[in-house]
Amino acid sequence: MTPPSTPTKIVTIILMFSCAAALVVWDVVAATNNVVGDTISETTLGFMQRYPVAGCGVGLALGVILGHLFWPQYPTVSTNKEK
């Protein structure tokens, strides 16, 4: 694996890890307090039960995002056979 070479790649990687870390820290804080139903999973489940059509949209959006992240990406090969 080659290290990131452009500023936008570096910023993207920093943002991805920062957002993931912030969500994990927030979920731990929410899980350790005395308030019931304030973790990310509890809030998402409550939203999806209250609004099932919008909940399907959330599931679809997450599926598209994860599918995009893990879809094999190959370099484009030109098939132009001009002489």
PDB file of N, CA and C in Angstrom:
ATOM      1  N   MET A   1       0.838  -1.171   0.000  1.00  0.00           N
ATOM      2  CA  MET A   1       0.000   0.000   0.000  1.00  0.00           C
ATOM      3  C   MET A   1       0.884   1.236   0.000  1.00  0.00           C
ATOM      4  N   THR A   2       0.622   2.144  -0.915  1.00  0.00           N
ATOM      5  CA  THR A   2       1.415   3.361  -0.985  1.00  0.00           C
ATOM      6  C   THR A   2       0.813   4.425  -0.076  1.00  0.00           C
ATOM      7  N   PRO A   3       1.646   5.262   0.502  1.00  0.00           N
ATOM      8  CA  PRO A   3       1.125   6.324   1.372  1.00  0.00           C
ATOM      9  C   PRO A   3       0.373   7.373   0.554  1.00  0.00           C
ATOM     10  N   PRO A   4      -0.585   8.083   1.177  1.00  0.00           N
ATOM     11  CA  PRO A   4      -1.319   9.106   0.450  1.00  0.00           C
ATOM     12  C   PRO A   4      -0.375  10.188  -0.054  1.00  0.00           C
ATOM     13  N   SER A   5      -0.665  10.686  -1.250  1.00  0.00           N
ATOM     14  CA  SER A   5       0.274  11.616  -1.855  1.00  0.00           C
ATOM     15  C   SER A   5      -0.297  13.008  -2.081  1.00  0.00           C
ATOM     16  N   THR A   6      -1.612  13.161  -2.072  1.00  0.00           N
ATOM     17  CA  THR A   6      -2.185  14.485  -2.307  1.00  0.00           C
ATOM     18  C   THR A   6      -2.838  15.001  -1.031  1.00  0.00           C
ATOM     19  N   PRO A   7      -2.947  16.309  -0.912  1.00  0.00           N
ATOM     20  CA  PRO A   7      -3.566  16.878   0.298  1.00  0.00           C
ATOM     21  C   PRO A   7      -5.025  16.413   0.493  1.00  0.00           C
ATOM     22  N   THR A   8      -5.767  16.259  -0.587  1.00  0.00           N
ATOM     23  CA  THR A   8      -7.161  15.835  -0.428  1.00  0.00           C
ATOM     24  C   THR A   8      -7.255  14.401   0.084  1.00  0.00           C
ATOM     25  N   LYS A   9      -6.339  13.534  -0.306  1.00  0.00           N
ATOM     26  CA  LYS A   9      -6.341  12.169   0.220  1.00  0.00           C
ATOM     27  C   LYS A   9      -6.023  12.168   1.705  1.00  0.00           C
ATOM     28  N   ILE A  10      -5.061  12.981   2.085  1.00  0.00           N
ATOM     29  CA  ILE A  10      -4.671  13.059   3.496  1.00  0.00           C
ATOM     30  C   ILE A  10      -5.828  13.588   4.335  1.00  0.00           C
ATOM     31  N   VAL A  11      -6.488  14.658   3.855  1.00  0.00           N
ATOM     32  CA  VAL A  11      -7.622  15.231   4.581  1.00  0.00           C
ATOM     33  C   VAL A  11      -8.767  14.221   4.657  1.00  0.00           C
ATOM     34  N   THR A  12      -9.027  13.493   3.574  1.00  0.00           N
ATOM     35  CA  THR A  12     -10.087  12.487   3.574  1.00  0.00           C
ATOM     36  C   THR A  12      -9.824  11.405   4.603  1.00  0.00           C
ATOM     37  N   ILE A  13      -8.603  10.920   4.668  1.00  0.00           N
ATOM     38  CA  ILE A  13      -8.251   9.885   5.637  1.00  0.00           C
ATOM     39  C   ILE A  13      -8.386  10.421   7.064  1.00  0.00           C
ATOM     40  N   ILE A  14      -7.911  11.642   7.298  1.00  0.00           N
ATOM     41  CA  ILE A  14      -8.026  12.237   8.631  1.00  0.00           C
ATOM     42  C   ILE A  14      -9.493  12.397   9.023  1.00  0.00           C
ATOM     43  N   LEU A  15     -10.330  12.870   8.098  1.00  0.00           N
ATOM     44  CA  LEU A  15     -11.751  13.047   8.392  1.00  0.00           C
ATOM     45  C   LEU A  15     -12.445  11.718   8.673  1.00  0.00           C
ATOM     46  N   MET A  16     -12.133  10.682   7.890  1.00  0.00           N
ATOM     47  CA  MET A  16     -12.763   9.376   8.105  1.00  0.00           C
ATOM     48  C   MET A  16     -12.452   8.844   9.502  1.00  0.00           C
ATOM     49  N   PHE A  17     -11.186   8.861   9.880  1.00  0.00           N
ATOM     50  CA  PHE A  17     -10.809   8.334  11.188  1.00  0.00           C
ATOM     51  C   PHE A  17     -11.300   9.232  12.323  1.00  0.00           C
ATOM     52  N   SER A  18     -11.307  10.541  12.114  1.00  0.00           N
ATOM     53  CA  SER A  18     -11.798  11.452  13.141  1.00  0.00           C
ATOM     54  C   SER A  18     -13.288  11.265  13.385  1.00  0.00           C
ATOM     55  N   CYS A  19     -14.060  11.142  12.318  1.00  0.00           N
ATOM     56  CA  CYS A  19     -15.510  10.935  12.459  1.00  0.00           C
ATOM     57  C   CYS A  19     -15.804   9.590  13.123  1.00  0.00           C
ATOM     58  N   ALA A  20     -15.100   8.553  12.712  1.00  0.00           N
ATOM     59  CA  ALA A  20     -15.315   7.236  13.313  1.00  0.00           C
ATOM     60  C   ALA A  20     -14.959   7.265  14.802  1.00  0.00           C
ATOM     61  N   ALA A  21     -13.846   7.895  15.146  1.00  0.00           N
ATOM     62  CA  ALA A  21     -13.437   7.977  16.542  1.00  0.00           C
ATOM     63  C   ALA A  21     -14.433   8.801  17.358  1.00  0.00           C
ATOM     64  N   ALA A  22     -14.917   9.904  16.791  1.00  0.00           N
ATOM     65  CA  ALA A  22     -15.890  10.744  17.492  1.00  0.00           C
ATOM     66  C   ALA A  22     -17.181   9.981  17.749  1.00  0.00           C
ATOM     67  N   LEU A  23     -17.645   9.195  16.768  1.00  0.00           N
ATOM     68  CA  LEU A  23     -18.862   8.399  16.956  1.00  0.00           C
ATOM     69  C   LEU A  23     -18.675   7.336  18.027  1.00  0.00           C
ATOM     70  N   VAL A  24     -17.531   6.696  18.051  1.00  0.00           N
ATOM     71  CA  VAL A  24     -17.265   5.672  19.072  1.00  0.00           C
ATOM     72  C   VAL A  24     -17.217   6.309  20.457  1.00  0.00           C
ATOM     73  N   VAL A  25     -16.516   7.424  20.588  1.00  0.00           N
ATOM     74  CA  VAL A  25     -16.415   8.104  21.887  1.00  0.00           C
ATOM     75  C   VAL A  25     -17.802   8.563  22.341  1.00  0.00           C
ATOM     76  N   TRP A  26     -18.570   9.164  21.418  1.00  0.00           N
ATOM     77  CA  TRP A  26     -19.908   9.623  21.778  1.00  0.00           C
ATOM     78  C   TRP A  26     -20.789   8.453  22.215  1.00  0.00           C
ATOM     79  N   ASP A  27     -20.725   7.341  21.532  1.00  0.00           N
ATOM     80  CA  ASP A  27     -21.562   6.191  21.884  1.00  0.00           C
ATOM     81  C   ASP A  27     -21.161   5.632  23.257  1.00  0.00           C
ATOM     82  N   VAL A  28     -19.879   5.631  23.572  1.00  0.00           N
ATOM     83  CA  VAL A  28     -19.435   5.174  24.895  1.00  0.00           C
ATOM     84  C   VAL A  28     -19.950   6.126  25.977  1.00  0.00           C
ATOM     85  N   VAL A  29     -19.859   7.426  25.737  1.00  0.00           N
ATOM     86  CA  VAL A  29     -20.361   8.409  26.699  1.00  0.00           C
ATOM     87  C   VAL A  29     -21.869   8.233  26.890  1.00  0.00           C
ATOM     88  N   ALA A  30     -22.604   8.072  25.787  1.00  0.00           N
ATOM     89  CA  ALA A  30     -24.055   7.903  25.876  1.00  0.00           C
ATOM     90  C   ALA A  30     -24.429   6.596  26.572  1.00  0.00           C
ATOM     91  N   ALA A  31     -23.642   5.561  26.375  1.00  0.00           N
ATOM     92  CA  ALA A  31     -23.952   4.269  26.991  1.00  0.00           C
ATOM     93  C   ALA A  31     -23.644   4.246  28.487  1.00  0.00           C
ATOM     94  N   THR A  32     -22.728   5.087  28.924  1.00  0.00           N
ATOM     95  CA  THR A  32     -22.331   5.047  30.328  1.00  0.00           C
ATOM     96  C   THR A  32     -23.112   6.006  31.218  1.00  0.00           C
ATOM     97  N   ASN A  33     -23.964   6.861  30.631  1.00  0.00           N
ATOM     98  CA  ASN A  33     -24.751   7.749  31.494  1.00  0.00           C
ATOM     99  C   ASN A  33     -26.057   7.054  31.891  1.00  0.00           C
ATOM    100  N   ASN A  34     -26.872   7.714  32.672  1.00  0.00           N
ATOM    101  CA  ASN A  34     -28.101   7.110  33.179  1.00  0.00           C
ATOM    102  C   ASN A  34     -29.318   7.337  32.292  1.00  0.00           C
ATOM    103  N   VAL A  35     -29.156   7.968  31.146  1.00  0.00           N
ATOM    104  CA  VAL A  35     -30.271   8.231  30.240  1.00  0.00           C
ATOM    105  C   VAL A  35     -30.498   7.009  29.368  1.00  0.00           C
ATOM    106  N   VAL A  36     -31.750   6.570  29.295  1.00  0.00           N
ATOM    107  CA  VAL A  36     -32.087   5.391  28.493  1.00  0.00           C
ATOM    108  C   VAL A  36     -32.465   5.843  27.075  1.00  0.00           C
ATOM    109  N   GLY A  37     -31.942   5.164  26.085  1.00  0.00           N
ATOM    110  CA  GLY A  37     -32.330   5.414  24.698  1.00  0.00           C
ATOM    111  C   GLY A  37     -31.552   6.493  23.989  1.00  0.00           C
ATOM    112  N   ASP A  38     -30.362   6.837  24.448  1.00  0.00           N
ATOM    113  CA  ASP A  38     -29.618   7.912  23.790  1.00  0.00           C
ATOM    114  C   ASP A  38     -28.371   7.448  23.037  1.00  0.00           C
ATOM    115  N   THR A  39     -28.137   6.142  22.957  1.00  0.00           N
ATOM    116  CA  THR A  39     -27.001   5.672  22.155  1.00  0.00           C
ATOM    117  C   THR A  39     -27.369   5.725  20.677  1.00  0.00           C
ATOM    118  N   ILE A  40     -26.391   5.596  19.829  1.00  0.00           N
ATOM    119  CA  ILE A  40     -26.630   5.673  18.389  1.00  0.00           C
ATOM    120  C   ILE A  40     -27.567   4.559  17.943  1.00  0.00           C
ATOM    121  N   SER A  41     -27.342   3.346  18.423  1.00  0.00           N
ATOM    122  CA  SER A  41     -28.185   2.228  17.989  1.00  0.00           C
ATOM    123  C   SER A  41     -29.617   2.369  18.509  1.00  0.00           C
ATOM    124  N   GLU A  42     -29.782   2.815  19.751  1.00  0.00           N
ATOM    125  CA  GLU A  42     -31.122   2.984  20.304  1.00  0.00           C
ATOM    126  C   GLU A  42     -31.883   4.100  19.586  1.00  0.00           C
ATOM    127  N   THR A  43     -31.206   5.183  19.280  1.00  0.00           N
ATOM    128  CA  THR A  43     -31.833   6.289  18.563  1.00  0.00           C
ATOM    129  C   THR A  43     -32.213   5.879  17.149  1.00  0.00           C
ATOM    130  N   THR A  44     -31.323   5.162  16.467  1.00  0.00           N
ATOM    131  CA  THR A  44     -31.606   4.708  15.111  1.00  0.00           C
ATOM    132  C   THR A  44     -32.768   3.721  15.103  1.00  0.00           C
ATOM    133  N   LEU A  45     -32.774   2.777  16.028  1.00  0.00           N
ATOM    134  CA  LEU A  45     -33.866   1.803  16.108  1.00  0.00           C
ATOM    135  C   LEU A  45     -35.194   2.494  16.377  1.00  0.00           C
ATOM    136  N   GLY A  46     -35.224   3.440  17.309  1.00  0.00           N
ATOM    137  CA  GLY A  46     -36.445   4.179  17.607  1.00  0.00           C
ATOM    138  C   GLY A  46     -36.952   4.949  16.397  1.00  0.00           C
ATOM    139  N   PHE A  47     -36.033   5.580  15.660  1.00  0.00           N
ATOM    140  CA  PHE A  47     -36.406   6.322  14.454  1.00  0.00           C
ATOM    141  C   PHE A  47     -36.994   5.390  13.402  1.00  0.00           C
ATOM    142  N   MET A  48     -36.357   4.248  13.215  1.00  0.00           N
ATOM    143  CA  MET A  48     -36.823   3.309  12.188  1.00  0.00           C
ATOM    144  C   MET A  48     -38.167   2.683  12.572  1.00  0.00           C
ATOM    145  N   GLN A  49     -38.427   2.488  13.864  1.00  0.00           N
ATOM    146  CA  GLN A  49     -39.721   1.964  14.283  1.00  0.00           C
ATOM    147  C   GLN A  49     -40.811   3.024  14.159  1.00  0.00           C
ATOM    148  N   ARG A  50     -40.469   4.268  14.414  1.00  0.00           N
ATOM    149  CA  ARG A  50     -41.449   5.348  14.329  1.00  0.00           C
ATOM    150  C   ARG A  50     -41.747   5.729  12.888  1.00  0.00           C
ATOM    151  N   TYR A  51     -40.737   5.722  12.034  1.00  0.00           N
ATOM    152  CA  TYR A  51     -40.877   6.114  10.628  1.00  0.00           C
ATOM    153  C   TYR A  51     -40.331   5.010   9.728  1.00  0.00           C
ATOM    154  N   PRO A  52     -41.112   3.942   9.483  1.00  0.00           N
ATOM    155  CA  PRO A  52     -40.579   2.788   8.753  1.00  0.00           C
ATOM    156  C   PRO A  52     -40.143   3.101   7.323  1.00  0.00           C
ATOM    157  N   VAL A  53     -40.848   3.987   6.622  1.00  0.00           N
ATOM    158  CA  VAL A  53     -40.462   4.292   5.240  1.00  0.00           C
ATOM    159  C   VAL A  53     -39.128   5.029   5.222  1.00  0.00           C
ATOM    160  N   ALA A  54     -38.981   6.010   6.099  1.00  0.00           N
ATOM    161  CA  ALA A  54     -37.697   6.720   6.187  1.00  0.00           C
ATOM    162  C   ALA A  54     -36.611   5.776   6.679  1.00  0.00           C
ATOM    163  N   GLY A  55     -36.984   4.844   7.559  1.00  0.00           N
ATOM    164  CA  GLY A  55     -36.018   3.858   8.043  1.00  0.00           C
ATOM    165  C   GLY A  55     -35.483   2.998   6.920  1.00  0.00           C
ATOM    166  N   CYS A  56     -36.356   2.646   5.974  1.00  0.00           N
ATOM    167  CA  CYS A  56     -35.886   1.890   4.799  1.00  0.00           C
ATOM    168  C   CYS A  56     -34.904   2.732   3.987  1.00  0.00           C
ATOM    169  N   GLY A  57     -35.143   4.040   3.936  1.00  0.00           N
ATOM    170  CA  GLY A  57     -34.212   4.933   3.244  1.00  0.00           C
ATOM    171  C   GLY A  57     -32.861   4.971   3.922  1.00  0.00           C
ATOM    172  N   VAL A  58     -32.865   4.949   5.253  1.00  0.00           N
ATOM    173  CA  VAL A  58     -31.600   4.924   5.998  1.00  0.00           C
ATOM    174  C   VAL A  58     -30.853   3.632   5.696  1.00  0.00           C
ATOM    175  N   GLY A  59     -31.585   2.513   5.729  1.00  0.00           N
ATOM    176  CA  GLY A  59     -30.957   1.226   5.412  1.00  0.00           C
ATOM    177  C   GLY A  59     -30.410   1.189   3.994  1.00  0.00           C
ATOM    178  N   LEU A  60     -31.173   1.732   3.053  1.00  0.00           N
ATOM    179  CA  LEU A  60     -30.719   1.775   1.658  1.00  0.00           C
ATOM    180  C   LEU A  60     -29.475   2.648   1.523  1.00  0.00           C
ATOM    181  N   ALA A  61     -29.487   3.810   2.168  1.00  0.00           N
ATOM    182  CA  ALA A  61     -28.331   4.711   2.084  1.00  0.00           C
ATOM    183  C   ALA A  61     -27.082   4.050   2.660  1.00  0.00           C
ATOM    184  N   LEU A  62     -27.224   3.380   3.807  1.00  0.00           N
ATOM    185  CA  LEU A  62     -26.075   2.690   4.395  1.00  0.00           C
ATOM    186  C   LEU A  62     -25.585   1.567   3.485  1.00  0.00           C
ATOM    187  N   GLY A  63     -26.517   0.857   2.853  1.00  0.00           N
ATOM    188  CA  GLY A  63     -26.130  -0.203   1.925  1.00  0.00           C
ATOM    189  C   GLY A  63     -25.368   0.327   0.723  1.00  0.00           C
ATOM    190  N   VAL A  64     -25.829   1.457   0.188  1.00  0.00           N
ATOM    191  CA  VAL A  64     -25.145   2.058  -0.965  1.00  0.00           C
ATOM    192  C   VAL A  64     -23.749   2.530  -0.565  1.00  0.00           C
ATOM    193  N   ILE A  65     -23.650   3.163   0.596  1.00  0.00           N
ATOM    194  CA  ILE A  65     -22.337   3.650   1.052  1.00  0.00           C
ATOM    195  C   ILE A  65     -21.375   2.494   1.267  1.00  0.00           C
ATOM    196  N   LEU A  66     -21.820   1.456   1.979  1.00  0.00           N
ATOM    197  CA  LEU A  66     -20.932   0.317   2.231  1.00  0.00           C
ATOM    198  C   LEU A  66     -20.617  -0.440   0.948  1.00  0.00           C
ATOM    199  N   GLY A  67     -21.605  -0.558   0.066  1.00  0.00           N
ATOM    200  CA  GLY A  67     -21.349  -1.212  -1.216  1.00  0.00           C
ATOM    201  C   GLY A  67     -20.310  -0.453  -2.023  1.00  0.00           C
ATOM    202  N   HIS A  68     -20.401   0.872  -1.990  1.00  0.00           N
ATOM    203  CA  HIS A  68     -19.432   1.696  -2.713  1.00  0.00           C
ATOM    204  C   HIS A  68     -18.034   1.554  -2.110  1.00  0.00           C
ATOM    205  N   LEU A  69     -17.967   1.466  -0.796  1.00  0.00           N
ATOM    206  CA  LEU A  69     -16.656   1.363  -0.144  1.00  0.00           C
ATOM    207  C   LEU A  69     -15.959   0.041  -0.448  1.00  0.00           C
ATOM    208  N   PHE A  70     -16.740  -1.030  -0.548  1.00  0.00           N
ATOM    209  CA  PHE A  70     -16.131  -2.352  -0.696  1.00  0.00           C
ATOM    210  C   PHE A  70     -16.234  -2.921  -2.108  1.00  0.00           C
ATOM    211  N   TRP A  71     -16.810  -2.170  -3.052  1.00  0.00           N
ATOM    212  CA  TRP A  71     -16.877  -2.629  -4.439  1.00  0.00           C
ATOM    213  C   TRP A  71     -15.461  -2.616  -5.012  1.00  0.00           C
ATOM    214  N   PRO A  72     -15.070  -3.699  -5.692  1.00  0.00           N
ATOM    215  CA  PRO A  72     -13.704  -3.722  -6.243  1.00  0.00           C
ATOM    216  C   PRO A  72     -13.511  -2.595  -7.265  1.00  0.00           C
ATOM    217  N   GLN A  73     -12.463  -1.862  -7.101  1.00  0.00           N
ATOM    218  CA  GLN A  73     -12.180  -0.761  -8.013  1.00  0.00           C
ATOM    219  C   GLN A  73     -10.904  -1.088  -8.784  1.00  0.00           C
ATOM    220  N   TYR A  74     -11.070  -1.252 -10.073  1.00  0.00           N
ATOM    221  CA  TYR A  74      -9.952  -1.595 -10.938  1.00  0.00           C
ATOM    222  C   TYR A  74      -9.624  -0.406 -11.830  1.00  0.00           C
ATOM    223  N   PRO A  75      -8.379  -0.266 -12.249  1.00  0.00           N
ATOM    224  CA  PRO A  75      -8.043   0.830 -13.165  1.00  0.00           C
ATOM    225  C   PRO A  75      -8.756   0.646 -14.499  1.00  0.00           C
ATOM    226  N   THR A  76      -9.128   1.757 -15.098  1.00  0.00           N
ATOM    227  CA  THR A  76      -9.805   1.734 -16.379  1.00  0.00           C
ATOM    228  C   THR A  76      -8.810   1.359 -17.466  1.00  0.00           C
ATOM    229  N   VAL A  77      -9.204   0.415 -18.316  1.00  0.00           N
ATOM    230  CA  VAL A  77      -8.353  -0.029 -19.404  1.00  0.00           C
ATOM    231  C   VAL A  77      -8.976   0.435 -20.709  1.00  0.00           C
ATOM    232  N   SER A  78      -8.201   1.123 -21.522  1.00  0.00           N
ATOM    233  CA  SER A  78      -8.706   1.608 -22.798  1.00  0.00           C
ATOM    234  C   SER A  78      -8.743   0.456 -23.807  1.00  0.00           C
ATOM    235  N   THR A  79      -9.871   0.350 -24.495  1.00  0.00           N
ATOM    236  CA  THR A  79     -10.011  -0.709 -25.508  1.00  0.00           C
ATOM    237  C   THR A  79     -10.039  -0.124 -26.903  1.00  0.00           C
ATOM    238  N   ASN A  80      -9.586   1.107 -27.043  1.00  0.00           N
ATOM    239  CA  ASN A  80      -9.576   1.775 -28.339  1.00  0.00           C
ATOM    240  C   ASN A  80      -8.464   1.158 -29.202  1.00  0.00           C
ATOM    241  N   LYS A  81      -8.858   0.580 -30.338  1.00  0.00           N
ATOM    242  CA  LYS A  81      -7.882  -0.120 -31.190  1.00  0.00           C
ATOM    243  C   LYS A  81      -7.710   0.624 -32.511  1.00  0.00           C
ATOM    244  N   GLU A  82      -7.370   1.902 -32.434  1.00  0.00           N
ATOM    245  CA  GLU A  82      -7.143   2.668 -33.661  1.00  0.00           C
ATOM    246  C   GLU A  82      -5.774   2.333 -34.242  1.00  0.00           C
ATOM    247  N   LYS A  83      -5.698   2.422 -35.557  1.00  0.00           N
ATOM    248  CA  LYS A  83      -4.425   2.141 -36.225  1.00  0.00           C
ATOM    249  C   LYS A  83      -3.749   3.404 -36.665  1.00  0.00           C
TER     250      LYS A  83
END
